[in-house]
Protein backbone atom coordinates (compact mmCIF):
# COMPACT_ATOMS: atom_id res chain seq x y z
CA UNK A 1 163.64 -106.64 -76.76
CA UNK A 2 160.12 -107.55 -77.49
CA UNK A 3 159.27 -105.03 -80.14
CA UNK A 4 159.23 -107.81 -82.82
CA UNK A 5 156.75 -109.93 -80.77
CA UNK A 6 153.94 -107.67 -80.38
CA UNK A 7 150.57 -109.10 -80.56
CA UNK A 8 152.07 -112.60 -79.72
CA UNK A 9 151.51 -114.72 -76.46
CA UNK A 10 154.89 -115.75 -74.72
CA UNK A 11 154.67 -118.85 -72.51
CA UNK A 12 157.43 -119.36 -70.08
CA UNK A 13 158.76 -123.14 -69.67
CA UNK A 14 160.69 -124.12 -66.66
CA UNK A 15 163.51 -127.05 -65.69
CA UNK A 16 164.72 -127.90 -62.33
CA UNK A 17 168.12 -129.48 -62.45
CA UNK A 18 170.04 -131.23 -59.70
CA UNK A 19 173.58 -132.42 -60.53
CA UNK A 20 173.06 -131.82 -64.14
CA UNK A 21 170.09 -134.05 -64.05
CA UNK A 22 166.54 -132.86 -64.73
CA UNK A 23 164.43 -133.67 -62.05
CA UNK A 24 161.28 -131.34 -62.89
CA UNK A 25 159.86 -129.29 -65.64
CA UNK A 26 156.86 -127.42 -66.48
CA UNK A 27 156.35 -127.02 -70.31
CA UNK A 28 152.53 -126.39 -70.77
CA UNK A 29 152.24 -124.16 -73.82
CA UNK A 30 148.24 -123.66 -72.85
CA UNK A 31 148.88 -122.67 -69.13
CA UNK A 32 147.44 -119.19 -68.99
CA UNK A 33 149.31 -118.79 -65.84
CA UNK A 34 152.65 -118.84 -67.37
CA UNK A 35 151.25 -116.73 -70.49
CA UNK A 36 152.06 -113.11 -71.19
CA UNK A 37 150.48 -111.28 -74.11
CA UNK A 38 152.85 -108.87 -75.67
CA UNK A 39 151.20 -105.75 -76.74
CA UNK A 40 152.57 -102.68 -78.90
CA UNK A 41 153.69 -99.80 -76.47
CA UNK A 42 150.94 -97.18 -76.28
CA UNK A 43 151.46 -93.75 -78.24
CA UNK A 44 152.42 -91.37 -75.72
CA UNK A 45 149.52 -88.92 -75.77
CA UNK A 46 150.02 -85.67 -77.09
CA UNK A 47 149.33 -82.76 -74.75
CA UNK A 48 146.36 -80.80 -76.27
CA UNK A 49 147.63 -77.78 -78.13
CA UNK A 50 146.71 -74.49 -76.32
CA UNK A 51 143.87 -72.65 -77.82
CA UNK A 52 141.49 -69.73 -76.60
CA UNK A 53 138.17 -68.69 -77.48
CA UNK A 54 136.49 -65.36 -76.36
CA UNK A 55 133.47 -63.72 -75.53
CA UNK A 56 133.44 -59.55 -75.60
CA UNK A 57 130.55 -57.73 -73.94
CA UNK A 58 129.42 -54.25 -72.67
CA UNK A 59 130.43 -54.11 -68.99
CA UNK A 60 127.03 -52.23 -68.46
CA UNK A 61 124.43 -54.92 -69.29
CA UNK A 62 126.74 -58.01 -70.71
CA UNK A 63 125.32 -57.77 -74.14
CA UNK A 64 127.08 -56.98 -77.60
CA UNK A 65 126.18 -53.43 -77.65
CA UNK A 66 127.48 -50.70 -76.00
CA UNK A 67 126.60 -46.65 -75.61
CA UNK A 68 129.47 -44.77 -77.77
CA UNK A 69 130.31 -42.25 -75.01
CA UNK A 70 133.18 -40.80 -73.31
CA UNK A 71 133.98 -44.00 -71.17
CA UNK A 72 133.10 -47.26 -72.68
CA UNK A 73 133.85 -50.35 -70.81
CA UNK A 74 134.23 -53.72 -72.78
CA UNK A 75 134.82 -56.95 -70.84
CA UNK A 76 136.48 -59.76 -72.50
CA UNK A 77 136.08 -63.27 -71.26
CA UNK A 78 138.98 -65.63 -72.78
CA UNK A 79 138.31 -69.47 -72.31
CA UNK A 80 141.59 -71.34 -72.44
CA UNK A 81 142.52 -75.07 -73.19
CA UNK A 82 145.67 -77.23 -73.26
CA UNK A 83 147.73 -74.88 -70.96
CA UNK A 84 150.06 -76.33 -68.24
CA UNK A 85 148.82 -75.84 -64.79
CA UNK A 86 151.04 -74.09 -62.30
CA UNK A 87 152.76 -72.27 -65.23
CA UNK A 88 152.63 -68.47 -65.44
CA UNK A 89 150.96 -66.93 -68.63
CA UNK A 90 150.26 -63.65 -69.87
CA UNK A 91 147.04 -62.62 -72.11
CA UNK A 92 147.32 -59.46 -74.09
CA UNK A 93 144.15 -58.25 -75.84
CA UNK A 94 143.75 -55.24 -78.37
CA UNK A 95 140.56 -53.79 -79.50
CA UNK A 96 140.44 -53.38 -83.22
CA UNK A 97 138.15 -51.19 -85.30
CA UNK A 98 136.15 -53.85 -87.72
CA UNK A 99 135.71 -51.05 -90.44
CA UNK A 100 139.50 -50.13 -90.71
CA UNK A 101 141.02 -53.35 -89.32
CA UNK A 102 143.26 -50.93 -87.25
CA UNK A 103 143.37 -50.66 -83.22
CA UNK A 104 141.13 -48.63 -81.55
CA UNK A 105 142.98 -45.63 -80.25
CA UNK A 106 142.04 -43.46 -77.04
CA UNK A 107 144.23 -40.50 -76.00
CA UNK A 108 146.49 -41.14 -78.92
CA UNK A 109 147.52 -44.75 -77.61
CA UNK A 110 146.06 -48.18 -78.79
CA UNK A 111 143.46 -49.73 -76.61
CA UNK A 112 145.12 -52.57 -74.88
CA UNK A 113 144.62 -54.78 -71.51
CA UNK A 114 147.08 -57.23 -70.30
CA UNK A 115 146.83 -59.79 -67.21
CA UNK A 116 149.13 -62.34 -65.84
CA UNK A 117 147.65 -65.50 -64.56
CA UNK A 118 148.47 -69.10 -63.29
CA UNK A 119 146.00 -71.80 -64.34
CA UNK A 120 144.99 -74.40 -61.79
CA UNK A 121 144.04 -76.53 -64.67
CA UNK A 122 144.51 -77.00 -68.20
CA UNK A 123 141.40 -75.46 -69.08
CA UNK A 124 139.72 -72.36 -67.57
CA UNK A 125 139.14 -68.64 -68.31
CA UNK A 126 140.52 -65.29 -67.55
CA UNK A 127 139.00 -61.86 -68.17
CA UNK A 128 140.41 -58.56 -69.31
CA UNK A 129 138.53 -55.10 -69.24
CA UNK A 130 139.25 -52.36 -71.83
CA UNK A 131 138.05 -48.85 -70.74
CA UNK A 132 138.49 -46.07 -73.24
CA UNK A 133 136.60 -43.19 -74.82
CA UNK A 134 134.53 -44.30 -77.65
CA UNK A 135 132.33 -41.09 -78.31
CA UNK A 136 134.19 -40.68 -81.91
CA UNK A 137 132.98 -44.29 -82.80
CA UNK A 138 129.47 -44.26 -83.00
CA UNK A 139 128.13 -46.85 -85.40
CA UNK A 140 131.40 -48.82 -85.58
CA UNK A 141 131.96 -52.45 -84.51
CA UNK A 142 134.85 -53.03 -82.09
CA UNK A 143 136.63 -56.59 -82.15
CA UNK A 144 138.94 -57.83 -79.32
CA UNK A 145 142.08 -59.66 -80.57
CA UNK A 146 143.70 -61.86 -77.90
CA UNK A 147 147.20 -63.49 -77.55
CA UNK A 148 148.45 -65.75 -74.67
CA UNK A 149 152.11 -66.17 -74.11
CA UNK A 150 154.42 -67.69 -71.87
CA UNK A 151 158.02 -66.43 -71.23
CA UNK A 152 157.65 -64.12 -73.90
CA UNK A 153 156.66 -66.89 -76.55
CA UNK A 154 153.18 -66.65 -78.10
CA UNK A 155 151.12 -69.97 -77.27
CA UNK A 156 147.63 -69.26 -78.39
CA UNK A 157 145.97 -66.56 -80.71
CA UNK A 158 142.36 -65.50 -81.04
CA UNK A 159 142.02 -62.55 -83.80
CA UNK A 160 138.99 -63.07 -85.99
CA UNK A 161 137.54 -59.86 -87.16
CA UNK A 162 134.25 -61.72 -88.21
CA UNK A 163 133.80 -63.59 -84.97
CA UNK A 164 130.62 -62.08 -83.50
CA UNK A 165 131.36 -63.27 -79.95
CA UNK A 166 134.52 -61.05 -80.02
CA UNK A 167 132.42 -58.02 -81.27
CA UNK A 168 130.85 -55.07 -79.40
CA UNK A 169 128.69 -52.48 -81.45
CA UNK A 170 129.12 -48.91 -80.62
CA UNK A 171 125.77 -47.36 -80.84
CA UNK A 172 123.94 -43.75 -79.80
CA UNK A 173 122.71 -43.23 -76.46
CA UNK A 174 118.86 -43.98 -76.73
CA UNK A 175 116.68 -40.80 -76.57
CA UNK A 176 114.87 -40.53 -73.43
CA UNK A 177 111.39 -39.39 -73.70
CA UNK A 178 110.40 -36.01 -72.34
CA UNK A 179 107.49 -37.45 -70.40
CA UNK A 180 106.33 -40.91 -69.82
CA UNK A 181 102.80 -40.54 -71.55
CA UNK A 182 101.06 -38.01 -73.41
CA UNK A 183 100.36 -34.84 -71.63
CA UNK A 184 102.44 -35.81 -68.76
CA UNK A 185 99.79 -37.67 -66.86
CA UNK A 186 100.36 -41.00 -65.36
CA UNK A 187 99.02 -44.05 -67.22
CA UNK A 188 95.83 -45.69 -65.94
CA UNK A 189 96.12 -49.17 -64.94
């Protein structure tokens, strides 16, 4: 047990005997070839704690605004760290109305999406898509909340109602002009 000798140098001394009589020895305390430095054992590296971060955007143009119509699609890119490669995980997302703090409903049900995935590396990303009727939500900010679980146990959560990266604003459809220029003529170039 060398625990008490951590930080010390240990030098091996040898003696060769024949018939109980010493015939050779090597006892040089300065011999580097016979010296071993004992060090403290390395602390085992803790695996990185699982964590996730997300970016929710409008599927039509990739920004943080979507037209509040009968079919809104929000894509949520979930970046993960600290997962075990080769193990199966499930990511579940829920859309929340920032104004009420309650899940967005469409057709009487909470708007959620779920996907299972097996990471190749400890860090990576996975996407979820939410499609819902947003026509009654004009002017509302919608925030994506996510959980990652393994074997039914939650391993990472991202549910920040104030996270701009997770937020998509539902806006009215912009009005289209009746004619491209005054009097309906083409512009001069």
